[in-house]
């Protein structure tokens, strides 16, 4: 009878491991690198559930990506370069990205195996990156200058 407590505890630990229960109260930071140089990126709007079993949630609304980008230093790179996207918690969310233009999502950018293909025409771009995990989602903004 003394060892009976082990079964429910084991099942709970197994459930947490399988479902990826997040103890973090906010989404991880995006680590974006172009040619091994880290790009300054800012977290935008997000929704995040945490705790066991996701009994708490946080929703944060951010200003427009164009306003966020005004506070970021754009990285200057060659047109057609690619950006490697990772996260501070080493997770692998579903990703998609757009060019932010005229205060809305513009052209969708190709992401394959966490590699984002940047535009091929010279100019300054604000990139809006969307990341989706089973327990939430987050937007990230970064700026690049293509020469």
N, C-alpha and C. Protein backbone atom coordinates (compact mmCIF):
# COMPACT_ATOMS: atom_id res chain seq x y z
N UNK A 1 0.81 -1.19 0.00
CA UNK A 1 0.00 0.00 0.00
C UNK A 1 0.86 1.27 0.00
N UNK A 2 2.04 1.21 0.62
CA UNK A 2 2.89 2.38 0.68
C UNK A 2 3.39 2.79 -0.69
N UNK A 3 3.55 1.87 -1.61
CA UNK A 3 4.08 2.19 -2.93
C UNK A 3 2.98 2.57 -3.91
N UNK A 4 1.74 2.61 -3.52
CA UNK A 4 0.62 2.94 -4.40
C UNK A 4 0.71 4.38 -4.90
N UNK A 5 1.26 5.30 -4.14
CA UNK A 5 1.39 6.69 -4.55
C UNK A 5 2.28 6.85 -5.78
N UNK A 6 3.17 5.90 -6.01
CA UNK A 6 4.11 5.97 -7.11
C UNK A 6 3.41 5.97 -8.47
N UNK A 7 2.35 5.20 -8.62
CA UNK A 7 1.66 5.08 -9.91
C UNK A 7 1.06 6.42 -10.35
N UNK A 8 0.27 7.13 -9.53
CA UNK A 8 -0.27 8.42 -9.99
C UNK A 8 0.81 9.47 -10.26
N UNK A 9 1.85 9.49 -9.44
CA UNK A 9 2.94 10.44 -9.65
C UNK A 9 3.66 10.14 -10.97
N UNK A 10 3.91 8.87 -11.23
CA UNK A 10 4.56 8.48 -12.47
C UNK A 10 3.70 8.88 -13.67
N UNK A 11 2.40 8.65 -13.60
CA UNK A 11 1.50 9.00 -14.70
C UNK A 11 1.49 10.51 -14.92
N UNK A 12 1.49 11.29 -13.86
CA UNK A 12 1.49 12.74 -13.99
C UNK A 12 2.80 13.23 -14.63
N UNK A 13 3.92 12.70 -14.22
CA UNK A 13 5.21 13.10 -14.80
C UNK A 13 5.27 12.71 -16.27
N UNK A 14 4.80 11.53 -16.58
CA UNK A 14 4.77 11.08 -17.97
C UNK A 14 3.87 11.98 -18.81
N UNK A 15 2.72 12.36 -18.30
CA UNK A 15 1.80 13.23 -19.01
C UNK A 15 2.44 14.59 -19.29
N UNK A 16 3.13 15.14 -18.31
CA UNK A 16 3.79 16.44 -18.48
C UNK A 16 4.88 16.35 -19.53
N UNK A 17 5.62 15.27 -19.54
CA UNK A 17 6.70 15.10 -20.51
C UNK A 17 6.14 14.96 -21.92
N UNK A 18 5.07 14.20 -22.07
CA UNK A 18 4.49 13.96 -23.39
C UNK A 18 3.81 15.20 -23.94
N UNK A 19 3.09 15.94 -23.12
CA UNK A 19 2.36 17.11 -23.60
C UNK A 19 3.20 18.35 -23.70
N UNK A 20 4.42 18.32 -23.17
CA UNK A 20 5.28 19.49 -23.25
C UNK A 20 4.81 20.62 -22.37
N UNK A 21 4.29 20.31 -21.24
CA UNK A 21 3.76 21.30 -20.32
C UNK A 21 4.79 22.38 -20.04
N UNK A 22 4.42 23.61 -20.26
CA UNK A 22 5.35 24.71 -20.11
C UNK A 22 5.28 25.31 -18.72
N UNK A 23 6.45 25.46 -18.11
CA UNK A 23 6.52 26.14 -16.83
C UNK A 23 6.83 27.62 -17.04
N UNK A 24 7.31 27.97 -18.24
CA UNK A 24 7.63 29.37 -18.53
C UNK A 24 6.34 30.16 -18.66
N UNK A 25 6.35 31.38 -18.14
CA UNK A 25 5.15 32.20 -18.16
C UNK A 25 5.03 33.06 -19.41
N UNK A 26 6.07 33.08 -20.24
CA UNK A 26 6.02 33.81 -21.50
C UNK A 26 6.71 32.97 -22.58
N UNK A 27 6.42 33.27 -23.85
CA UNK A 27 7.09 32.53 -24.93
C UNK A 27 8.60 32.74 -24.89
N UNK A 28 9.35 31.82 -25.45
CA UNK A 28 10.81 31.98 -25.47
C UNK A 28 11.23 33.12 -26.38
N UNK A 29 12.46 33.53 -26.23
CA UNK A 29 13.02 34.56 -27.11
C UNK A 29 13.43 33.93 -28.44
N UNK A 30 13.24 34.67 -29.51
CA UNK A 30 13.70 34.21 -30.82
C UNK A 30 15.18 34.57 -30.98
N UNK A 31 15.95 33.62 -31.48
CA UNK A 31 17.36 33.83 -31.76
C UNK A 31 17.51 33.71 -33.28
N UNK A 32 17.66 34.85 -33.94
CA UNK A 32 17.70 34.90 -35.39
C UNK A 32 19.10 35.32 -35.83
N UNK A 33 19.71 34.50 -36.67
CA UNK A 33 21.07 34.79 -37.14
C UNK A 33 21.12 34.78 -38.66
N UNK A 34 21.83 35.78 -39.19
CA UNK A 34 22.09 35.86 -40.62
C UNK A 34 23.61 35.91 -40.77
N UNK A 35 24.17 34.97 -41.50
CA UNK A 35 25.63 34.88 -41.66
C UNK A 35 26.33 34.86 -40.30
N UNK A 36 25.79 34.10 -39.36
CA UNK A 36 26.33 33.92 -38.02
C UNK A 36 26.29 35.19 -37.16
N UNK A 37 25.56 36.21 -37.61
CA UNK A 37 25.40 37.45 -36.84
C UNK A 37 23.97 37.49 -36.32
N UNK A 38 23.82 37.70 -35.01
CA UNK A 38 22.48 37.71 -34.43
C UNK A 38 21.78 39.02 -34.75
N UNK A 39 20.54 38.89 -35.18
CA UNK A 39 19.70 40.02 -35.53
C UNK A 39 18.93 40.44 -34.28
N UNK A 40 18.83 41.73 -34.06
CA UNK A 40 18.03 42.23 -32.95
C UNK A 40 16.55 41.98 -33.28
N UNK A 41 15.88 41.23 -32.43
CA UNK A 41 14.46 40.89 -32.64
C UNK A 41 13.67 41.22 -31.39
N UNK A 42 12.43 41.61 -31.56
CA UNK A 42 11.57 41.96 -30.44
C UNK A 42 10.31 41.10 -30.46
N UNK A 43 9.86 40.73 -29.28
CA UNK A 43 8.63 39.97 -29.15
C UNK A 43 7.45 40.92 -29.35
N UNK A 44 6.47 40.46 -30.10
CA UNK A 44 5.26 41.24 -30.32
C UNK A 44 4.11 40.65 -29.52
N UNK A 45 2.94 40.63 -30.11
CA UNK A 45 1.74 40.09 -29.49
C UNK A 45 1.91 38.60 -29.24
N UNK A 46 1.41 38.12 -28.10
CA UNK A 46 1.46 36.68 -27.84
C UNK A 46 0.33 36.23 -26.92
N UNK A 47 0.05 34.93 -26.99
CA UNK A 47 -0.88 34.22 -26.10
C UNK A 47 -0.11 33.02 -25.58
N UNK A 48 -0.13 32.80 -24.27
CA UNK A 48 0.69 31.74 -23.70
C UNK A 48 -0.02 31.08 -22.54
N UNK A 49 -0.07 29.75 -22.56
CA UNK A 49 -0.63 28.97 -21.46
C UNK A 49 0.51 28.27 -20.75
N UNK A 50 0.41 28.18 -19.42
CA UNK A 50 1.47 27.55 -18.66
C UNK A 50 0.89 26.91 -17.41
N UNK A 51 1.73 26.17 -16.72
CA UNK A 51 1.29 25.47 -15.52
C UNK A 51 0.76 24.09 -15.87
N UNK A 52 0.32 23.37 -14.88
CA UNK A 52 -0.19 22.02 -15.10
C UNK A 52 -1.64 21.96 -14.75
N UNK A 53 -2.51 21.50 -15.57
CA UNK A 53 -2.37 21.32 -17.03
C UNK A 53 -2.85 22.59 -17.73
N UNK A 54 -1.99 23.50 -17.94
CA UNK A 54 -2.26 24.79 -18.57
C UNK A 54 -3.38 25.53 -17.85
N UNK A 55 -3.29 25.63 -16.56
CA UNK A 55 -4.34 26.27 -15.79
C UNK A 55 -4.22 27.79 -15.77
N UNK A 56 -3.14 28.32 -16.30
CA UNK A 56 -2.95 29.77 -16.34
C UNK A 56 -2.66 30.20 -17.77
N UNK A 57 -3.07 31.41 -18.09
CA UNK A 57 -2.83 31.93 -19.44
C UNK A 57 -2.50 33.41 -19.37
N UNK A 58 -1.74 33.86 -20.35
CA UNK A 58 -1.34 35.25 -20.44
C UNK A 58 -1.51 35.69 -21.88
N UNK A 59 -2.12 36.85 -22.07
CA UNK A 59 -2.28 37.43 -23.40
C UNK A 59 -1.65 38.82 -23.35
N UNK A 60 -0.76 39.09 -24.29
CA UNK A 60 -0.09 40.39 -24.36
C UNK A 60 -0.26 40.96 -25.75
N UNK A 61 -0.79 42.15 -25.83
CA UNK A 61 -0.98 42.82 -27.12
C UNK A 61 0.12 43.86 -27.29
N UNK A 62 0.76 43.84 -28.43
CA UNK A 62 1.85 44.78 -28.70
C UNK A 62 1.42 45.78 -29.77
N UNK A 63 2.17 46.81 -29.90
CA UNK A 63 1.93 47.81 -30.94
C UNK A 63 2.26 47.21 -32.31
N UNK A 64 2.02 47.95 -33.34
CA UNK A 64 2.24 47.48 -34.70
C UNK A 64 3.71 47.13 -34.94
N UNK A 65 3.98 46.12 -35.79
CA UNK A 65 5.37 45.77 -36.11
C UNK A 65 6.19 46.94 -36.65
N UNK A 66 5.57 47.85 -37.39
CA UNK A 66 6.32 48.99 -37.92
C UNK A 66 6.79 49.91 -36.79
N UNK A 67 6.00 50.06 -35.74
CA UNK A 67 6.39 50.87 -34.58
C UNK A 67 7.48 50.16 -33.79
N UNK A 68 7.33 48.85 -33.60
CA UNK A 68 8.36 48.06 -32.91
C UNK A 68 9.68 48.17 -33.65
N UNK A 69 9.64 48.08 -34.98
CA UNK A 69 10.86 48.09 -35.80
C UNK A 69 11.61 49.41 -35.71
N UNK A 70 10.92 50.50 -35.40
CA UNK A 70 11.58 51.80 -35.27
C UNK A 70 12.59 51.80 -34.13
N UNK A 71 12.42 50.90 -33.18
CA UNK A 71 13.31 50.82 -32.02
C UNK A 71 14.39 49.75 -32.19
N UNK A 72 14.43 49.13 -33.37
CA UNK A 72 15.41 48.07 -33.63
C UNK A 72 16.45 48.56 -34.63
N UNK A 73 17.66 48.08 -34.49
CA UNK A 73 18.71 48.39 -35.45
C UNK A 73 18.69 47.33 -36.55
N UNK A 74 18.44 47.75 -37.81
CA UNK A 74 18.41 46.75 -38.88
C UNK A 74 19.81 46.21 -39.17
N UNK A 75 19.86 44.94 -39.49
CA UNK A 75 21.12 44.31 -39.89
C UNK A 75 21.23 44.43 -41.40
N UNK A 76 22.40 44.88 -41.89
CA UNK A 76 22.62 45.02 -43.32
C UNK A 76 23.21 43.72 -43.87
N UNK A 77 22.52 43.16 -44.87
CA UNK A 77 22.94 41.89 -45.48
C UNK A 77 22.71 41.95 -46.99
N UNK A 78 23.18 40.93 -47.69
CA UNK A 78 22.99 40.85 -49.13
C UNK A 78 21.58 40.32 -49.45
N UNK A 79 20.97 40.81 -50.53
CA UNK A 79 19.67 40.29 -50.94
C UNK A 79 19.70 38.78 -51.15
N UNK A 80 18.60 38.13 -50.80
CA UNK A 80 18.48 36.69 -50.98
C UNK A 80 19.16 35.86 -49.91
N UNK A 81 19.72 36.50 -48.89
CA UNK A 81 20.35 35.75 -47.79
C UNK A 81 19.29 34.96 -47.04
N UNK A 82 19.73 34.09 -46.16
CA UNK A 82 18.76 33.35 -45.36
C UNK A 82 19.07 33.58 -43.88
N UNK A 83 18.03 33.49 -43.09
CA UNK A 83 18.14 33.68 -41.64
C UNK A 83 17.83 32.36 -40.95
N UNK A 84 18.67 31.98 -40.00
CA UNK A 84 18.46 30.77 -39.20
C UNK A 84 17.68 31.17 -37.96
N UNK A 85 16.58 30.46 -37.70
CA UNK A 85 15.70 30.80 -36.58
C UNK A 85 15.75 29.70 -35.52
N UNK A 86 16.08 30.09 -34.30
CA UNK A 86 16.06 29.19 -33.15
C UNK A 86 15.37 29.91 -32.00
N UNK A 87 15.15 29.19 -30.92
CA UNK A 87 14.49 29.78 -29.76
C UNK A 87 15.28 29.48 -28.50
N UNK A 88 15.19 30.38 -27.54
CA UNK A 88 15.99 30.29 -26.32
C UNK A 88 15.73 29.01 -25.53
N UNK A 89 14.55 28.41 -25.70
CA UNK A 89 14.25 27.16 -24.98
C UNK A 89 14.49 25.92 -25.84
N UNK A 90 15.09 26.10 -27.01
CA UNK A 90 15.41 25.01 -27.95
C UNK A 90 14.17 24.29 -28.47
N UNK A 91 13.02 24.95 -28.44
CA UNK A 91 11.79 24.35 -28.96
C UNK A 91 11.74 24.50 -30.48
N UNK A 92 10.79 23.81 -31.08
CA UNK A 92 10.64 23.81 -32.54
C UNK A 92 9.18 24.07 -32.91
N UNK A 93 8.74 25.33 -32.79
CA UNK A 93 7.34 25.64 -33.12
C UNK A 93 7.11 25.65 -34.63
N UNK A 94 5.85 25.69 -35.00
CA UNK A 94 5.49 25.87 -36.41
C UNK A 94 5.73 27.35 -36.72
N UNK A 95 6.44 27.63 -37.81
CA UNK A 95 6.83 29.00 -38.15
C UNK A 95 6.26 29.44 -39.49
N UNK A 96 5.92 30.72 -39.57
CA UNK A 96 5.65 31.35 -40.85
C UNK A 96 5.97 32.84 -40.71
N UNK A 97 6.27 33.48 -41.83
CA UNK A 97 6.73 34.88 -41.79
C UNK A 97 6.20 35.66 -42.98
N UNK A 98 6.10 36.97 -42.78
CA UNK A 98 5.66 37.89 -43.81
C UNK A 98 6.52 39.15 -43.76
N UNK A 99 6.56 39.84 -44.88
CA UNK A 99 7.09 41.20 -44.90
C UNK A 99 5.96 42.08 -44.36
N UNK A 100 6.28 42.97 -43.44
CA UNK A 100 5.29 43.89 -42.91
C UNK A 100 5.37 45.18 -43.73
N UNK A 101 4.30 45.51 -44.43
CA UNK A 101 4.30 46.71 -45.27
C UNK A 101 2.92 47.34 -45.29
N UNK A 102 2.90 48.66 -45.29
CA UNK A 102 1.63 49.42 -45.29
C UNK A 102 0.72 49.00 -44.14
N UNK A 103 1.30 48.77 -42.99
CA UNK A 103 0.58 48.39 -41.77
C UNK A 103 -0.26 47.13 -41.90
N UNK A 104 0.25 46.17 -42.66
CA UNK A 104 -0.39 44.85 -42.74
C UNK A 104 0.61 43.83 -43.26
N UNK A 105 0.22 42.56 -43.14
CA UNK A 105 1.07 41.49 -43.66
C UNK A 105 1.12 41.56 -45.17
N UNK A 106 2.34 41.58 -45.69
CA UNK A 106 2.54 41.59 -47.13
C UNK A 106 2.93 40.20 -47.60
N UNK A 107 3.90 40.16 -48.48
CA UNK A 107 4.34 38.91 -49.08
C UNK A 107 4.79 37.90 -48.03
N UNK A 108 4.31 36.67 -48.20
CA UNK A 108 4.73 35.58 -47.32
C UNK A 108 6.14 35.14 -47.72
N UNK A 109 6.97 34.86 -46.71
CA UNK A 109 8.35 34.42 -46.96
C UNK A 109 8.48 32.93 -46.71
N UNK A 110 9.35 32.30 -47.44
CA UNK A 110 9.56 30.85 -47.35
C UNK A 110 10.40 30.51 -46.12
N UNK A 111 9.91 29.56 -45.33
CA UNK A 111 10.68 29.01 -44.22
C UNK A 111 10.72 27.50 -44.40
N UNK A 112 11.93 26.97 -44.40
CA UNK A 112 12.11 25.52 -44.52
C UNK A 112 13.20 25.11 -43.54
N UNK A 113 12.87 24.18 -42.65
CA UNK A 113 13.80 23.68 -41.64
C UNK A 113 14.46 24.82 -40.86
N UNK A 114 13.62 25.74 -40.40
CA UNK A 114 14.03 26.90 -39.60
C UNK A 114 14.95 27.87 -40.33
N UNK A 115 14.98 27.79 -41.65
CA UNK A 115 15.75 28.72 -42.48
C UNK A 115 14.75 29.62 -43.21
N UNK A 116 14.83 30.91 -42.97
CA UNK A 116 13.95 31.90 -43.58
C UNK A 116 14.67 32.53 -44.77
N UNK A 117 14.08 32.45 -45.95
CA UNK A 117 14.65 33.07 -47.14
C UNK A 117 14.21 34.53 -47.17
N UNK A 118 15.18 35.43 -47.15
CA UNK A 118 14.90 36.86 -47.13
C UNK A 118 14.63 37.36 -48.54
N UNK A 119 14.01 38.56 -48.67
CA UNK A 119 13.70 39.09 -50.00
C UNK A 119 14.96 39.24 -50.86
N UNK A 120 14.75 39.31 -52.18
CA UNK A 120 15.88 39.40 -53.11
C UNK A 120 16.10 40.82 -53.64
N UNK A 121 15.17 41.74 -53.40
CA UNK A 121 15.33 43.12 -53.86
C UNK A 121 15.94 43.97 -52.75
N UNK A 122 16.89 44.85 -53.10
CA UNK A 122 17.47 45.74 -52.09
C UNK A 122 16.41 46.63 -51.45
N UNK A 123 16.65 47.01 -50.21
CA UNK A 123 15.74 47.89 -49.48
C UNK A 123 15.72 47.54 -48.00
N UNK A 124 14.95 48.31 -47.26
CA UNK A 124 14.78 48.06 -45.83
C UNK A 124 13.45 47.32 -45.64
N UNK A 125 13.50 46.24 -44.84
CA UNK A 125 12.32 45.41 -44.62
C UNK A 125 12.08 45.19 -43.13
N UNK A 126 10.81 45.19 -42.78
CA UNK A 126 10.38 44.75 -41.45
C UNK A 126 9.79 43.37 -41.65
N UNK A 127 10.31 42.40 -40.90
CA UNK A 127 9.86 41.01 -41.02
C UNK A 127 9.05 40.66 -39.78
N UNK A 128 7.86 40.10 -40.01
CA UNK A 128 7.00 39.63 -38.93
C UNK A 128 7.04 38.11 -38.93
N UNK A 129 7.55 37.54 -37.86
CA UNK A 129 7.68 36.10 -37.71
C UNK A 129 6.61 35.61 -36.73
N UNK A 130 5.86 34.59 -37.13
CA UNK A 130 4.84 33.97 -36.28
C UNK A 130 5.36 32.60 -35.84
N UNK A 131 5.25 32.31 -34.55
CA UNK A 131 5.63 31.00 -34.03
C UNK A 131 4.45 30.43 -33.25
N UNK A 132 4.15 29.14 -33.49
CA UNK A 132 3.00 28.51 -32.82
C UNK A 132 3.44 27.21 -32.17
N UNK A 133 3.20 27.12 -30.86
CA UNK A 133 3.45 25.93 -30.06
C UNK A 133 2.11 25.34 -29.65
N UNK A 134 2.09 24.11 -29.11
CA UNK A 134 0.82 23.53 -28.64
C UNK A 134 0.17 24.36 -27.52
N UNK A 135 0.96 25.10 -26.77
CA UNK A 135 0.43 25.85 -25.63
C UNK A 135 0.46 27.37 -25.84
N UNK A 136 0.59 27.83 -27.08
CA UNK A 136 0.53 29.26 -27.32
C UNK A 136 1.18 29.67 -28.61
N UNK A 137 1.22 30.98 -28.83
CA UNK A 137 1.84 31.53 -30.03
C UNK A 137 2.42 32.90 -29.72
N UNK A 138 3.34 33.33 -30.57
CA UNK A 138 3.97 34.62 -30.38
C UNK A 138 4.43 35.18 -31.72
N UNK A 139 4.39 36.50 -31.82
CA UNK A 139 4.95 37.19 -32.97
C UNK A 139 6.30 37.77 -32.58
N UNK A 140 7.19 37.84 -33.55
CA UNK A 140 8.51 38.43 -33.36
C UNK A 140 8.76 39.37 -34.54
N UNK A 141 9.43 40.47 -34.28
CA UNK A 141 9.69 41.47 -35.32
C UNK A 141 11.19 41.72 -35.40
N UNK A 142 11.70 41.80 -36.63
CA UNK A 142 13.07 42.22 -36.83
C UNK A 142 13.16 43.01 -38.13
N UNK A 143 14.23 43.76 -38.27
CA UNK A 143 14.40 44.64 -39.42
C UNK A 143 15.73 44.33 -40.11
N UNK A 144 15.71 44.38 -41.44
CA UNK A 144 16.93 44.15 -42.21
C UNK A 144 17.05 45.21 -43.30
N UNK A 145 18.27 45.47 -43.68
CA UNK A 145 18.58 46.35 -44.80
C UNK A 145 19.32 45.51 -45.82
N UNK A 146 18.77 45.38 -47.02
CA UNK A 146 19.39 44.58 -48.07
C UNK A 146 20.12 45.49 -49.05
N UNK A 147 21.43 45.24 -49.25
CA UNK A 147 22.27 46.01 -50.19
C UNK A 147 22.92 45.08 -51.16
